[in-house]
Structures are given as structure tokens and as C-alpha cells.
Protein backbone atom coordinates (compact mmCIF):
# COMPACT_ATOMS: atom_id res chain seq x y z
CA MET A 1 75.13 38.07 -58.57
CA GLN A 2 73.07 41.21 -57.47
CA SER A 3 74.58 44.30 -55.07
CA ASN A 4 72.95 46.55 -52.88
CA GLY A 5 73.99 49.70 -54.86
CA ILE A 6 72.63 48.86 -58.19
CA ALA A 7 68.95 48.08 -56.35
CA TYR A 8 69.28 51.14 -54.90
CA LEU A 9 69.59 52.86 -57.99
CA CYS A 10 66.55 50.65 -59.72
CA TRP A 11 65.07 52.01 -56.53
CA LEU A 12 65.36 55.45 -57.79
CA ALA A 13 64.10 55.24 -60.81
CA CYS A 14 60.64 55.63 -59.34
CA LEU A 15 62.12 59.58 -58.67
CA PHE A 16 61.45 59.39 -62.78
CA GLY A 17 58.11 57.59 -62.74
CA PHE A 18 59.92 54.00 -63.13
CA CYS A 19 58.74 52.35 -60.54
CA GLY A 20 59.65 48.76 -59.16
CA ILE A 21 62.65 48.30 -61.34
CA HIS A 22 64.55 47.20 -58.58
CA ARG A 23 62.11 43.96 -58.49
CA PHE A 24 62.86 43.25 -62.05
CA TYR A 25 65.91 43.81 -61.33
CA LEU A 26 65.95 40.86 -58.08
CA GLY A 27 63.81 38.71 -60.25
CA ARG A 28 60.64 39.35 -58.81
CA PRO A 29 58.83 40.73 -62.38
CA ILE A 30 55.11 39.97 -60.56
CA THR A 31 54.98 42.71 -57.60
CA GLY A 32 57.35 44.79 -60.21
CA ILE A 33 54.54 45.22 -62.74
CA ILE A 34 52.24 45.78 -59.50
CA TRP A 35 54.83 48.40 -58.55
CA PHE A 36 54.71 49.82 -61.88
CA LEU A 37 51.46 50.39 -62.24
CA THR A 38 50.26 51.69 -59.03
CA LEU A 39 53.02 54.07 -59.02
CA GLY A 40 55.20 52.13 -55.65
CA LEU A 41 51.41 51.17 -53.73
CA LEU A 42 50.96 54.87 -54.19
CA GLY A 43 54.67 55.26 -52.92
CA VAL A 44 54.73 53.38 -49.57
CA GLY A 45 55.73 50.53 -50.78
CA GLN A 46 58.08 52.04 -52.30
CA PHE A 47 59.50 53.56 -49.20
CA ILE A 48 59.30 50.13 -47.62
CA ASP A 49 61.27 48.62 -49.61
CA LEU A 50 64.29 51.52 -49.42
CA PHE A 51 64.55 48.76 -46.18
CA LEU A 52 64.08 45.21 -47.86
CA ILE A 53 66.26 46.03 -50.31
CA PRO A 54 69.26 44.68 -48.98
CA GLY A 55 67.80 41.47 -47.44
CA MET A 56 65.76 40.80 -50.92
CA VAL A 57 68.93 41.06 -52.98
CA ASP A 58 70.86 38.08 -50.35
CA ARG A 59 67.57 36.17 -50.77
CA ASN A 60 68.18 36.09 -54.49
CA ASN A 61 71.63 35.50 -54.73
CA ALA A 62 71.25 32.47 -52.31
CA ARG A 63 68.91 31.28 -54.74
CA THR A 64 70.63 31.62 -57.67
CA GLY A 65 73.63 29.80 -55.83
CA GLN A 66 75.64 32.76 -56.22
CA LEU A 67 77.62 34.15 -52.93
CA LEU A 68 76.12 36.21 -50.32
CA ASN A 69 76.94 40.23 -49.97
CA PRO A 70 79.28 41.46 -47.98
CA ARG A 71 77.81 44.38 -46.20
């Protein structure tokens, strides 16, 4: 089961030049590669993901049949 906290820690990896790690963690490898190669869509996509991570975690957990994260 993925968690919001770990996803945000992966999101912070962009500060060290590893953008998109959170997308790999949440089961989105294609967009993870795009984020990695474009530095998070030049930072814009990375910033937007800051607000989208909770929904991505919930959808991934529902898709894999695990319980949704309590908030």
C-alpha cells in the first residue's frame, strides 16, 4: 500500500535532480520517465503534482485492491 508521506518524500527528490520518482512509486512509469527527462516538465508539472499526489495515491491503492489511505 502506497502512502502520501512516502510519495511526498519521493517528490522532494526533484530538489536533487531526480524528478518523477514519485510517479514511478505510484505506478506511472511512462510519465515518470517524461518527468525525469524534462525535469518535471520544467518544474510546472512537478509543482502541479504537489496537489495531485493524494488523489494519485488513492487511485493507485484502489487499482491494486488495497484500502484507501485515511487522511
